[in-house]
Amino acid sequence: MTMGEIIRIGGRRSKLAVVQSTIVKQLIEIEFPDYECPILALQTFGDQVQFKPLYSFGGKALWTKELEDLLYDEDPARRIDLIVHSLKDMPTLLPDNFELGGITKRVDSTDCLVMAKDSEYKTLSDLPTGSVVGTSSVRRSAQLKRKFPGLKFESIRGNIHTRIKKVDDPSTPFKCIILASAGLVRMGLEHRINERFDSSVMYHAVGQGALGIEIRKNDKRIAKILERVTDFETTVCCLAERALMRTLEGGCSVPIGVESFYNQETKTLLLKGIVVSVDGKQSIEDQQEMIINNVKEDSMACGKLLAEKMMADGAKKILDEINFDKVEQENFN
């Protein structure tokens, strides 16, 4: 086998990340049976820092930096050809010499509720006042405070299995946790989902449920291969969502939520967005429709238009007033 028939895939070392890398490996090998796609699973800085809430340190690069270095590694034995990310963890502005090479079909964009095992409660509405909900996402806690002001929200870190183990522990303070539905589906844990949330309760994160594939800029060989594993509808929606966040200048964990729908028959994209203050008391919610003729240009234009509309209505003021030091002191309470 020649070197031209090998595509080296990089990803994080968590169980979910390995599953995600394997999904992309299988997509490529099905389309290109002559190719072999070995996977390198690497521990990143974000995986190592498990004792602090996500909003309190760094941007999304904390999940990507070590892997990006390997895309340009001088040693051919270490160099990788692409990185598989949860798209919601990818910065909307990538460093020079890197680009988003493809987006896979979305599995499930929603957030979901996981109750403690054998809990008598089934939905958030069932929980008594003062119940503790585990989430490290300001986006999730801010939106849920609007609907459930009697609940308390505290940070919980770790991979999916670690968080589920924490909520199932009889001594835990948590009555439930909030997770991305896609991670549970991919890990075969869909049976633990008690409730999925639509935008009437909680808008999901930008790119949630899709995998983003990062490559070297202008790597035409890999880009051509990824054209065959990229999902059109998901790409339209996620490019718009990412343009919305980029225009709003949203960082790693700011309370920006989205929901998007693409109608292939009419070529119409509907993008909805929300920005919420950390305490849940202020919010700007709006939507934008656009006919998509040029996937990249029109999708991104839709996101930019919605962002400008929301900023005119006060979204930027809400984001600018967020003080994450205060959020940490209050510990979501």
C-alpha atoms as a PDB file:
ATOM      1  CA  MET A   1       0.000   0.000   0.000  1.00  0.00           C
ATOM      2  CA  THR A   2       1.373   3.424  -0.947  1.00  0.00           C
ATOM      3  CA  MET A   3       1.398   6.487   1.279  1.00  0.00           C
ATOM      4  CA  GLY A   4      -1.195   8.055  -1.029  1.00  0.00           C
ATOM      5  CA  GLU A   5      -3.723   5.463   0.135  1.00  0.00           C
ATOM      6  CA  ILE A   6      -3.437   6.325   3.822  1.00  0.00           C
ATOM      7  CA  ILE A   7      -5.394   9.075   5.567  1.00  0.00           C
ATOM      8  CA  ARG A   8      -4.377   9.611   9.166  1.00  0.00           C
ATOM      9  CA  ILE A   9      -7.219  10.732  11.435  1.00  0.00           C
ATOM     10  CA  GLY A  10      -6.655  12.626  14.671  1.00  0.00           C
ATOM     11  CA  GLY A  11      -9.111  13.100  17.516  1.00  0.00           C
ATOM     12  CA  ARG A  12      -9.416  13.377  21.262  1.00  0.00           C
ATOM     13  CA  ARG A  13      -8.920  10.348  23.505  1.00  0.00           C
ATOM     14  CA  SER A  14     -12.300  10.213  25.246  1.00  0.00           C
ATOM     15  CA  LYS A  15     -14.580   7.281  24.441  1.00  0.00           C
ATOM     16  CA  LEU A  16     -17.021   9.554  22.640  1.00  0.00           C
ATOM     17  CA  ALA A  17     -14.253  11.215  20.613  1.00  0.00           C
ATOM     18  CA  VAL A  18     -12.915   7.819  19.513  1.00  0.00           C
ATOM     19  CA  VAL A  19     -16.418   6.808  18.425  1.00  0.00           C
ATOM     20  CA  GLN A  20     -16.653  10.054  16.439  1.00  0.00           C
ATOM     21  CA  SER A  21     -13.275   9.479  14.767  1.00  0.00           C
ATOM     22  CA  THR A  22     -14.362   5.945  13.932  1.00  0.00           C
ATOM     23  CA  ILE A  23     -17.545   7.275  12.292  1.00  0.00           C
ATOM     24  CA  VAL A  24     -15.467   9.446   9.939  1.00  0.00           C
ATOM     25  CA  LYS A  25     -13.040   6.583   9.323  1.00  0.00           C
ATOM     26  CA  GLN A  26     -15.938   4.355   8.261  1.00  0.00           C
ATOM     27  CA  LEU A  27     -17.493   7.054   6.067  1.00  0.00           C
ATOM     28  CA  ILE A  28     -14.222   7.496   4.179  1.00  0.00           C
ATOM     29  CA  GLU A  29     -13.425   3.788   3.884  1.00  0.00           C
ATOM     30  CA  ILE A  30     -16.921   3.025   2.553  1.00  0.00           C
ATOM     31  CA  GLU A  31     -16.535   5.678  -0.159  1.00  0.00           C
ATOM     32  CA  PHE A  32     -12.880   4.808  -0.819  1.00  0.00           C
ATOM     33  CA  PRO A  33     -12.344   1.067  -0.198  1.00  0.00           C
ATOM     34  CA  ASP A  34      -8.669   1.314  -1.209  1.00  0.00           C
ATOM     35  CA  TYR A  35      -7.896   3.754   1.572  1.00  0.00           C
ATOM     36  CA  GLU A  36      -6.806   2.927   5.101  1.00  0.00           C
ATOM     37  CA  CYS A  37      -7.571   5.412   7.884  1.00  0.00           C
ATOM     38  CA  PRO A  38      -5.614   4.813  11.099  1.00  0.00           C
ATOM     39  CA  ILE A  39      -6.786   6.849  14.116  1.00  0.00           C
ATOM     40  CA  LEU A  40      -4.570   8.749  16.557  1.00  0.00           C
ATOM     41  CA  ALA A  41      -6.380   9.496  19.833  1.00  0.00           C
ATOM     42  CA  LEU A  42      -4.738  12.308  21.800  1.00  0.00           C
ATOM     43  CA  GLN A  43      -5.415  13.853  25.184  1.00  0.00           C
ATOM     44  CA  THR A  44      -5.854  17.624  24.876  1.00  0.00           C
ATOM     45  CA  PHE A  45      -5.581  20.367  27.484  1.00  0.00           C
ATOM     46  CA  GLY A  46      -9.371  20.568  27.750  1.00  0.00           C
ATOM     47  CA  ASP A  47      -9.496  16.878  28.654  1.00  0.00           C
ATOM     48  CA  GLN A  48      -6.890  17.344  31.385  1.00  0.00           C
ATOM     49  CA  VAL A  49      -8.567  20.264  33.194  1.00  0.00           C
ATOM     50  CA  GLN A  50     -11.598  18.599  34.770  1.00  0.00           C
ATOM     51  CA  PHE A  51     -11.908  20.592  37.986  1.00  0.00           C
ATOM     52  CA  LYS A  52     -13.016  23.966  36.568  1.00  0.00           C
ATOM     53  CA  PRO A  53     -16.242  24.898  34.781  1.00  0.00           C
ATOM     54  CA  LEU A  54     -15.875  25.358  31.028  1.00  0.00           C
ATOM     55  CA  TYR A  55     -16.726  29.043  30.973  1.00  0.00           C
ATOM     56  CA  SER A  56     -13.869  29.895  33.356  1.00  0.00           C
ATOM     57  CA  PHE A  57     -10.862  29.092  31.189  1.00  0.00           C
ATOM     58  CA  GLY A  58      -9.944  29.684  27.621  1.00  0.00           C
ATOM     59  CA  GLY A  59     -11.804  29.388  24.351  1.00  0.00           C
ATOM     60  CA  LYS A  60     -12.526  26.392  22.198  1.00  0.00           C
ATOM     61  CA  ALA A  61      -8.860  26.078  21.206  1.00  0.00           C
ATOM     62  CA  LEU A  62      -8.322  24.165  24.451  1.00  0.00           C
ATOM     63  CA  TRP A  63      -9.777  21.121  22.637  1.00  0.00           C
ATOM     64  CA  THR A  64      -7.859  21.616  19.384  1.00  0.00           C
ATOM     65  CA  LYS A  65      -4.323  23.022  19.794  1.00  0.00           C
ATOM     66  CA  GLU A  66      -2.377  19.776  20.288  1.00  0.00           C
ATOM     67  CA  LEU A  67      -4.142  18.112  17.380  1.00  0.00           C
ATOM     68  CA  GLU A  68      -3.643  21.092  15.071  1.00  0.00           C
ATOM     69  CA  ASP A  69       0.099  20.916  15.708  1.00  0.00           C
ATOM     70  CA  LEU A  70       0.098  17.381  14.293  1.00  0.00           C
ATOM     71  CA  LEU A  71      -1.464  18.486  10.998  1.00  0.00           C
ATOM     72  CA  TYR A  72       1.846  20.211  10.230  1.00  0.00           C
ATOM     73  CA  ASP A  73       4.203  17.887  12.125  1.00  0.00           C
ATOM     74  CA  GLU A  74       7.563  17.551  10.347  1.00  0.00           C
ATOM     75  CA  ASP A  75       7.709  13.825  11.118  1.00  0.00           C
ATOM     76  CA  PRO A  76       5.635  11.945   8.488  1.00  0.00           C
ATOM     77  CA  ALA A  77       5.081   9.143  10.989  1.00  0.00           C
ATOM     78  CA  ARG A  78       3.332  11.565  13.380  1.00  0.00           C
ATOM     79  CA  ARG A  79       1.657  13.897  10.899  1.00  0.00           C
ATOM     80  CA  ILE A  80      -2.116  13.534  10.586  1.00  0.00           C
ATOM     81  CA  ASP A  81      -4.331  14.522   7.636  1.00  0.00           C
ATOM     82  CA  LEU A  82      -7.511  15.595   9.391  1.00  0.00           C
ATOM     83  CA  ILE A  83      -9.003  16.165  12.837  1.00  0.00           C
ATOM     84  CA  VAL A  84     -12.471  15.037  13.883  1.00  0.00           C
ATOM     85  CA  HIS A  85     -14.252  17.389  16.294  1.00  0.00           C
ATOM     86  CA  SER A  86     -17.658  17.755  17.787  1.00  0.00           C
ATOM     87  CA  LEU A  87     -18.533  20.738  15.603  1.00  0.00           C
ATOM     88  CA  LYS A  88     -19.854  22.639  18.626  1.00  0.00           C
ATOM     89  CA  ASP A  89     -16.312  22.511  20.096  1.00  0.00           C
ATOM     90  CA  MET A  90     -14.665  24.003  16.986  1.00  0.00           C
ATOM     91  CA  PRO A  91     -13.824  27.720  17.063  1.00  0.00           C
ATOM     92  CA  THR A  92     -15.779  29.690  14.461  1.00  0.00           C
ATOM     93  CA  LEU A  93     -12.496  31.347  13.467  1.00  0.00           C
ATOM     94  CA  LEU A  94      -9.738  28.796  12.877  1.00  0.00           C
ATOM     95  CA  PRO A  95      -6.036  29.720  12.998  1.00  0.00           C
ATOM     96  CA  ASP A  96      -4.223  30.550   9.754  1.00  0.00           C
ATOM     97  CA  ASN A  97      -3.359  27.487   7.651  1.00  0.00           C
ATOM     98  CA  PHE A  98      -6.388  25.509   8.896  1.00  0.00           C
ATOM     99  CA  GLU A  99      -9.903  25.183   7.513  1.00  0.00           C
ATOM    100  CA  LEU A 100     -13.178  23.360   8.042  1.00  0.00           C
ATOM    101  CA  GLY A 101     -12.966  20.625   5.417  1.00  0.00           C
ATOM    102  CA  GLY A 102     -16.337  18.967   5.934  1.00  0.00           C
ATOM    103  CA  ILE A 103     -19.378  18.473   8.145  1.00  0.00           C
ATOM    104  CA  THR A 104     -21.042  15.101   8.656  1.00  0.00           C
ATOM    105  CA  LYS A 105     -24.765  14.422   8.907  1.00  0.00           C
ATOM    106  CA  ARG A 106     -26.269  15.672  12.150  1.00  0.00           C
ATOM    107  CA  VAL A 107     -27.364  12.923  14.525  1.00  0.00           C
ATOM    108  CA  ASP A 108     -29.521  14.887  16.974  1.00  0.00           C
ATOM    109  CA  SER A 109     -29.085  18.574  17.671  1.00  0.00           C
ATOM    110  CA  THR A 110     -31.101  18.714  20.893  1.00  0.00           C
ATOM    111  CA  ASP A 111     -30.086  18.954  24.529  1.00  0.00           C
ATOM    112  CA  CYS A 112     -31.622  16.422  26.857  1.00  0.00           C
ATOM    113  CA  LEU A 113     -32.405  15.658  30.480  1.00  0.00           C
ATOM    114  CA  VAL A 114     -30.857  12.671  32.288  1.00  0.00           C
ATOM    115  CA  MET A 115     -32.414  11.958  35.675  1.00  0.00           C
ATOM    116  CA  ALA A 116     -30.667   9.976  38.388  1.00  0.00           C
ATOM    117  CA  LYS A 117     -31.194   6.240  37.971  1.00  0.00           C
ATOM    118  CA  ASP A 118     -34.501   5.079  39.508  1.00  0.00           C
ATOM    119  CA  SER A 119     -35.548   8.707  40.084  1.00  0.00           C
ATOM    120  CA  GLU A 120     -39.222   9.272  40.795  1.00  0.00           C
ATOM    121  CA  TYR A 121     -39.029  12.348  38.531  1.00  0.00           C
ATOM    122  CA  LYS A 122     -39.246  12.217  34.735  1.00  0.00           C
ATOM    123  CA  THR A 123     -39.151  15.855  33.572  1.00  0.00           C
ATOM    124  CA  LEU A 124     -37.715  19.165  34.802  1.00  0.00           C
ATOM    125  CA  SER A 125     -41.260  20.291  35.563  1.00  0.00           C
ATOM    126  CA  ASP A 126     -41.554  17.416  38.067  1.00  0.00           C
ATOM    127  CA  LEU A 127     -38.600  18.573  40.189  1.00  0.00           C
ATOM    128  CA  PRO A 128     -39.273  20.299  43.523  1.00  0.00           C
ATOM    129  CA  THR A 129     -38.041  23.851  44.118  1.00  0.00           C
ATOM    130  CA  GLY A 130     -34.357  23.988  45.030  1.00  0.00           C
ATOM    131  CA  SER A 131     -33.400  20.832  43.117  1.00  0.00           C
ATOM    132  CA  VAL A 132     -29.832  20.898  41.767  1.00  0.00           C
ATOM    133  CA  VAL A 133     -29.305  20.515  38.021  1.00  0.00           C
ATOM    134  CA  GLY A 134     -25.810  19.666  36.778  1.00  0.00           C
ATOM    135  CA  THR A 135     -24.435  21.514  33.744  1.00  0.00           C
ATOM    136  CA  SER A 136     -21.207  23.364  32.936  1.00  0.00           C
ATOM    137  CA  SER A 137     -22.867  25.243  30.084  1.00  0.00           C
ATOM    138  CA  VAL A 138     -23.909  28.858  30.660  1.00  0.00           C
ATOM    139  CA  ARG A 139     -26.062  28.577  27.529  1.00  0.00           C
ATOM    140  CA  ARG A 140     -28.060  25.751  29.086  1.00  0.00           C
ATOM    141  CA  SER A 141     -28.369  27.170  32.592  1.00  0.00           C
ATOM    142  CA  ALA A 142     -29.282  30.668  31.379  1.00  0.00           C
ATOM    143  CA  GLN A 143     -32.102  29.373  29.196  1.00  0.00           C
ATOM    144  CA  LEU A 144     -33.430  26.961  31.817  1.00  0.00           C
ATOM    145  CA  LYS A 145     -33.505  29.705  34.458  1.00  0.00           C
ATOM    146  CA  ARG A 146     -36.088  31.481  32.296  1.00  0.00           C
ATOM    147  CA  LYS A 147     -38.449  28.512  32.448  1.00  0.00           C
ATOM    148  CA  PHE A 148     -37.527  26.988  35.809  1.00  0.00           C
ATOM    149  CA  PRO A 149     -36.515  29.832  38.177  1.00  0.00           C
ATOM    150  CA  GLY A 150     -36.955  27.581  41.235  1.00  0.00           C
ATOM    151  CA  LEU A 151     -34.154  25.194  40.244  1.00  0.00           C
ATOM    152  CA  LYS A 152     -30.452  25.533  41.129  1.00  0.00           C
ATOM    153  CA  PHE A 153     -27.690  25.030  38.546  1.00  0.00           C
ATOM    154  CA  GLU A 154     -24.206  23.836  39.442  1.00  0.00           C
ATOM    155  CA  SER A 155     -21.164  22.923  37.398  1.00  0.00           C
ATOM    156  CA  ILE A 156     -20.478  19.285  36.579  1.00  0.00           C
ATOM    157  CA  ARG A 157     -17.467  18.201  34.496  1.00  0.00           C
ATOM    158  CA  GLY A 158     -16.181  14.954  33.050  1.00  0.00           C
ATOM    159  CA  ASN A 159     -17.028  12.713  30.128  1.00  0.00           C
ATOM    160  CA  ILE A 160     -20.522  11.301  29.585  1.00  0.00           C
ATOM    161  CA  HIS A 161     -19.958   8.178  31.673  1.00  0.00           C
ATOM    162  CA  THR A 162     -18.389  10.200  34.505  1.00  0.00           C
ATOM    163  CA  ARG A 163     -21.327  12.615  34.628  1.00  0.00           C
ATOM    164  CA  ILE A 164     -23.887   9.832  34.563  1.00  0.00           C
ATOM    165  CA  LYS A 165     -21.999   8.041  37.335  1.00  0.00           C
ATOM    166  CA  LYS A 166     -22.056  11.246  39.398  1.00  0.00           C
ATOM    167  CA  VAL A 167     -25.804  11.770  39.004  1.00  0.00           C
ATOM    168  CA  ASP A 168     -26.490   8.089  39.810  1.00  0.00           C
ATOM    169  CA  ASP A 169     -24.438   8.207  43.028  1.00  0.00           C
ATOM    170  CA  PRO A 170     -26.900   8.054  45.975  1.00  0.00           C
ATOM    171  CA  SER A 171     -24.889  10.763  47.780  1.00  0.00           C
ATOM    172  CA  THR A 172     -24.926  13.163  44.820  1.00  0.00           C
ATOM    173  CA  PRO A 173     -26.336  16.691  45.174  1.00  0.00           C
ATOM    174  CA  PHE A 174     -27.584  16.473  41.579  1.00  0.00           C
ATOM    175  CA  LYS A 175     -31.161  15.474  40.814  1.00  0.00           C
ATOM    176  CA  CYS A 176     -30.357  15.428  37.102  1.00  0.00           C
ATOM    177  CA  ILE A 177     -27.879  16.540  34.454  1.00  0.00           C
ATOM    178  CA  ILE A 178     -28.241  18.187  31.055  1.00  0.00           C
ATOM    179  CA  LEU A 179     -26.308  16.687  28.135  1.00  0.00           C
ATOM    180  CA  ALA A 180     -26.228  16.792  24.340  1.00  0.00           C
ATOM    181  CA  SER A 181     -28.529  14.093  22.984  1.00  0.00           C
ATOM    182  CA  ALA A 182     -26.099  13.206  20.177  1.00  0.00           C
ATOM    183  CA  GLY A 183     -23.386  12.057  22.580  1.00  0.00           C
ATOM    184  CA  LEU A 184     -25.751   9.656  24.324  1.00  0.00           C
ATOM    185  CA  VAL A 185     -27.032   8.332  20.986  1.00  0.00           C
ATOM    186  CA  ARG A 186     -23.494   7.739  19.686  1.00  0.00           C
ATOM    187  CA  MET A 187     -22.480   6.001  22.922  1.00  0.00           C
ATOM    188  CA  GLY A 188     -25.489   3.664  22.955  1.00  0.00           C
ATOM    189  CA  LEU A 189     -26.938   5.447  25.994  1.00  0.00           C
ATOM    190  CA  GLU A 190     -30.102   6.814  24.407  1.00  0.00           C
ATOM    191  CA  HIS A 191     -32.175   4.867  26.944  1.00  0.00           C
ATOM    192  CA  ARG A 192     -30.951   7.281  29.637  1.00  0.00           C
ATOM    193  CA  ILE A 193     -32.658  10.254  27.975  1.00  0.00           C
ATOM    194  CA  ASN A 194     -35.717  11.303  29.984  1.00  0.00           C
ATOM    195  CA  GLU A 195     -36.645  14.398  28.010  1.00  0.00           C
ATOM    196  CA  ARG A 196     -35.430  16.150  24.850  1.00  0.00           C
ATOM    197  CA  PHE A 197     -35.739  19.938  24.647  1.00  0.00           C
ATOM    198  CA  ASP A 198     -36.888  21.903  21.614  1.00  0.00           C
ATOM    199  CA  SER A 199     -36.523  25.663  21.285  1.00  0.00           C
ATOM    200  CA  SER A 200     -39.647  26.303  23.356  1.00  0.00           C
ATOM    201  CA  VAL A 201     -37.473  25.329  26.346  1.00  0.00           C
ATOM    202  CA  MET A 202     -33.876  25.468  25.159  1.00  0.00           C
ATOM    203  CA  TYR A 203     -32.139  26.314  21.907  1.00  0.00           C
ATOM    204  CA  HIS A 204     -29.188  24.013  21.205  1.00  0.00           C
ATOM    205  CA  ALA A 205     -25.521  24.925  20.745  1.00  0.00           C
ATOM    206  CA  VAL A 206     -24.081  26.027  17.414  1.00  0.00           C
ATOM    207  CA  GLY A 207     -23.089  22.914  15.444  1.00  0.00           C
ATOM    208  CA  GLN A 208     -24.416  20.512  18.072  1.00  0.00           C
ATOM    209  CA  GLY A 209     -24.954  16.953  16.841  1.00  0.00           C
ATOM    210  CA  ALA A 210     -22.635  17.276  13.827  1.00  0.00           C
ATOM    211  CA  LEU A 211     -18.973  16.384  13.387  1.00  0.00           C
ATOM    212  CA  GLY A 212     -16.580  18.961  11.951  1.00  0.00           C
ATOM    213  CA  ILE A 213     -13.490  17.836  10.071  1.00  0.00           C
ATOM    214  CA  GLU A 214     -10.515  20.192  10.253  1.00  0.00           C
ATOM    215  CA  ILE A 215      -7.789  20.015   7.615  1.00  0.00           C
ATOM    216  CA  ARG A 216      -4.724  21.883   6.383  1.00  0.00           C
ATOM    217  CA  LYS A 217      -5.720  24.935   4.381  1.00  0.00           C
ATOM    218  CA  ASN A 218      -5.760  24.294   0.625  1.00  0.00           C
ATOM    219  CA  ASP A 219      -5.192  20.547   1.023  1.00  0.00           C
ATOM    220  CA  LYS A 220      -7.046  19.710  -2.178  1.00  0.00           C
ATOM    221  CA  ARG A 221      -6.539  15.951  -1.886  1.00  0.00           C
ATOM    222  CA  ILE A 222      -8.232  15.668   1.515  1.00  0.00           C
ATOM    223  CA  ALA A 223     -10.858  18.284   0.645  1.00  0.00           C
ATOM    224  CA  LYS A 224     -11.863  16.281  -2.438  1.00  0.00           C
ATOM    225  CA  ILE A 225     -12.209  13.121  -0.372  1.00  0.00           C
ATOM    226  CA  LEU A 226     -14.306  14.877   2.263  1.00  0.00           C
ATOM    227  CA  GLU A 227     -16.784  16.086  -0.370  1.00  0.00           C
ATOM    228  CA  ARG A 228     -18.032  12.503  -0.446  1.00  0.00           C
ATOM    229  CA  VAL A 229     -18.679  12.266   3.323  1.00  0.00           C
ATOM    230  CA  THR A 230     -20.103  15.749   3.886  1.00  0.00           C
ATOM    231  CA  ASP A 231     -23.873  16.137   4.425  1.00  0.00           C
ATOM    232  CA  PHE A 232     -25.437  18.960   2.405  1.00  0.00           C
ATOM    233  CA  GLU A 233     -28.373  19.834   4.672  1.00  0.00           C
ATOM    234  CA  THR A 234     -26.260  19.770   7.839  1.00  0.00           C
ATOM    235  CA  THR A 235     -23.593  21.912   6.164  1.00  0.00           C
ATOM    236  CA  VAL A 236     -26.125  24.585   5.181  1.00  0.00           C
ATOM    237  CA  CYS A 237     -27.524  24.746   8.714  1.00  0.00           C
ATOM    238  CA  CYS A 238     -24.210  24.650  10.544  1.00  0.00           C
ATOM    239  CA  LEU A 239     -22.441  27.219   8.354  1.00  0.00           C
ATOM    240  CA  ALA A 240     -25.316  29.603   9.099  1.00  0.00           C
ATOM    241  CA  GLU A 241     -25.189  28.845  12.824  1.00  0.00           C
ATOM    242  CA  ARG A 242     -21.425  29.391  12.930  1.00  0.00           C
ATOM    243  CA  ALA A 243     -21.704  32.676  11.032  1.00  0.00           C
ATOM    244  CA  LEU A 244     -24.296  33.835  13.565  1.00  0.00           C
ATOM    245  CA  MET A 245     -21.992  33.059  16.474  1.00  0.00           C
ATOM    246  CA  ARG A 246     -18.934  34.540  14.763  1.00  0.00           C
ATOM    247  CA  THR A 247     -20.768  37.808  14.057  1.00  0.00           C
ATOM    248  CA  LEU A 248     -22.046  37.955  17.642  1.00  0.00           C
ATOM    249  CA  GLU A 249     -18.460  37.280  18.771  1.00  0.00           C
ATOM    250  CA  GLY A 250     -19.585  34.403  20.939  1.00  0.00           C
ATOM    251  CA  GLY A 251     -16.843  32.597  22.834  1.00  0.00           C
ATOM    252  CA  CYS A 252     -16.646  29.084  24.231  1.00  0.00           C
ATOM    253  CA  SER A 253     -19.596  29.045  26.577  1.00  0.00           C
ATOM    254  CA  VAL A 254     -21.576  32.236  26.068  1.00  0.00           C
ATOM    255  CA  PRO A 255     -25.359  31.886  26.150  1.00  0.00           C
ATOM    256  CA  ILE A 256     -26.062  31.811  22.403  1.00  0.00           C
ATOM    257  CA  GLY A 257     -28.544  29.166  21.267  1.00  0.00           C
ATOM    258  CA  VAL A 258     -29.769  28.232  17.788  1.00  0.00           C
ATOM    259  CA  GLU A 259     -32.239  26.093  15.878  1.00  0.00           C
ATOM    260  CA  SER A 260     -32.155  25.660  12.106  1.00  0.00           C
ATOM    261  CA  PHE A 261     -34.172  23.937   9.388  1.00  0.00           C
ATOM    262  CA  TYR A 262     -33.412  23.521   5.681  1.00  0.00           C
ATOM    263  CA  ASN A 263     -36.124  22.644   3.147  1.00  0.00           C
ATOM    264  CA  GLN A 264     -34.466  20.948   0.173  1.00  0.00           C
ATOM    265  CA  GLU A 265     -37.533  21.329  -2.046  1.00  0.00           C
ATOM    266  CA  THR A 266     -37.781  25.099  -1.661  1.00  0.00           C
ATOM    267  CA  LYS A 267     -34.048  25.592  -0.908  1.00  0.00           C
ATOM    268  CA  THR A 268     -35.123  27.673   2.081  1.00  0.00           C
ATOM    269  CA  LEU A 269     -33.099  27.921   5.283  1.00  0.00           C
ATOM    270  CA  LEU A 270     -34.806  29.007   8.496  1.00  0.00           C
ATOM    271  CA  LEU A 271     -32.378  30.030  11.226  1.00  0.00           C
ATOM    272  CA  LYS A 272     -33.533  30.886  14.745  1.00  0.00           C
ATOM    273  CA  GLY A 273     -31.342  32.299  17.477  1.00  0.00           C
ATOM    274  CA  ILE A 274     -31.393  33.421  21.082  1.00  0.00           C
ATOM    275  CA  VAL A 275     -29.046  35.326  23.381  1.00  0.00           C
ATOM    276  CA  VAL A 276     -29.818  35.131  27.104  1.00  0.00           C
ATOM    277  CA  SER A 277     -28.353  36.925  30.095  1.00  0.00           C
ATOM    278  CA  VAL A 278     -26.651  34.612  32.587  1.00  0.00           C
ATOM    279  CA  ASP A 279     -29.442  35.073  35.123  1.00  0.00           C
ATOM    280  CA  GLY A 280     -32.051  34.239  32.474  1.00  0.00           C
ATOM    281  CA  LYS A 281     -33.896  37.523  32.964  1.00  0.00           C
ATOM    282  CA  GLN A 282     -33.043  39.154  29.645  1.00  0.00           C
ATOM    283  CA  SER A 283     -33.195  37.568  26.212  1.00  0.00           C
ATOM    284  CA  ILE A 284     -33.222  38.453  22.533  1.00  0.00           C
ATOM    285  CA  GLU A 285     -34.859  35.915  20.246  1.00  0.00           C
ATOM    286  CA  ASP A 286     -35.253  36.234  16.468  1.00  0.00           C
ATOM    287  CA  GLN A 287     -35.159  34.355  13.169  1.00  0.00           C
ATOM    288  CA  GLN A 288     -34.070  34.755   9.546  1.00  0.00           C
ATOM    289  CA  GLU A 289     -35.075  32.991   6.331  1.00  0.00           C
ATOM    290  CA  MET A 290     -33.001  32.788   3.161  1.00  0.00           C
ATOM    291  CA  ILE A 291     -33.025  30.975  -0.179  1.00  0.00           C
ATOM    292  CA  ILE A 292     -29.787  29.022  -0.530  1.00  0.00           C
ATOM    293  CA  ASN A 293     -28.248  29.060  -4.002  1.00  0.00           C
ATOM    294  CA  ASN A 294     -24.576  29.161  -3.040  1.00  0.00           C
ATOM    295  CA  VAL A 295     -24.075  26.924  -0.006  1.00  0.00           C
ATOM    296  CA  LYS A 296     -21.188  28.717   1.661  1.00  0.00           C
ATOM    297  CA  GLU A 297     -21.981  32.321   0.766  1.00  0.00           C
ATOM    298  CA  ASP A 298     -25.749  32.226   1.311  1.00  0.00           C
ATOM    299  CA  SER A 299     -25.649  30.133   4.490  1.00  0.00           C
ATOM    300  CA  MET A 300     -23.087  32.421   6.079  1.00  0.00           C
ATOM    301  CA  ALA A 301     -24.990  35.497   4.904  1.00  0.00           C
ATOM    302  CA  CYS A 302     -28.127  34.179   6.638  1.00  0.00           C
ATOM    303  CA  GLY A 303     -26.257  33.802   9.923  1.00  0.00           C
ATOM    304  CA  LYS A 304     -24.695  37.246   9.614  1.00  0.00           C
ATOM    305  CA  LEU A 305     -28.063  38.884   8.882  1.00  0.00           C
ATOM    306  CA  LEU A 306     -29.677  37.265  11.899  1.00  0.00           C
ATOM    307  CA  ALA A 307     -26.784  38.324  14.127  1.00  0.00           C
ATOM    308  CA  GLU A 308     -27.063  41.928  12.937  1.00  0.00           C
ATOM    309  CA  LYS A 309     -30.814  41.886  13.557  1.00  0.00           C
ATOM    310  CA  MET A 310     -30.297  40.516  17.079  1.00  0.00           C
ATOM    311  CA  MET A 311     -27.527  43.008  17.871  1.00  0.00           C
ATOM    312  CA  ALA A 312     -29.788  45.853  16.805  1.00  0.00           C
ATOM    313  CA  ASP A 313     -32.336  44.532  19.292  1.00  0.00           C
ATOM    314  CA  GLY A 314     -29.829  44.413  22.186  1.00  0.00           C
ATOM    315  CA  ALA A 315     -28.055  41.021  21.966  1.00  0.00           C
ATOM    316  CA  LYS A 316     -24.570  42.553  21.926  1.00  0.00           C
ATOM    317  CA  LYS A 317     -25.312  44.500  25.105  1.00  0.00           C
ATOM    318  CA  ILE A 318     -26.294  41.264  26.893  1.00  0.00           C
ATOM    319  CA  LEU A 319     -23.114  39.497  25.762  1.00  0.00           C
ATOM    320  CA  ASP A 320     -20.872  42.443  26.625  1.00  0.00           C
ATOM    321  CA  GLU A 321     -22.236  42.567  30.178  1.00  0.00           C
ATOM    322  CA  ILE A 322     -21.436  38.951  30.992  1.00  0.00           C
ATOM    323  CA  ASN A 323     -18.900  38.761  33.824  1.00  0.00           C
ATOM    324  CA  PHE A 324     -17.631  35.205  34.088  1.00  0.00           C
ATOM    325  CA  ASP A 325     -15.812  35.871  37.367  1.00  0.00           C
ATOM    326  CA  LYS A 326     -19.186  36.726  38.890  1.00  0.00           C
ATOM    327  CA  VAL A 327     -20.729  33.642  37.303  1.00  0.00           C
ATOM    328  CA  GLU A 328     -18.065  31.489  38.962  1.00  0.00           C
ATOM    329  CA  GLN A 329     -18.597  33.136  42.370  1.00  0.00           C
ATOM    330  CA  GLU A 330     -22.327  32.562  42.175  1.00  0.00           C
ATOM    331  CA  ASN A 331     -21.718  28.991  40.979  1.00  0.00           C
ATOM    332  CA  PHE A 332     -24.811  29.230  38.795  1.00  0.00           C
ATOM    333  CA  ASN A 333     -27.106  29.820  41.784  1.00  0.00           C
END
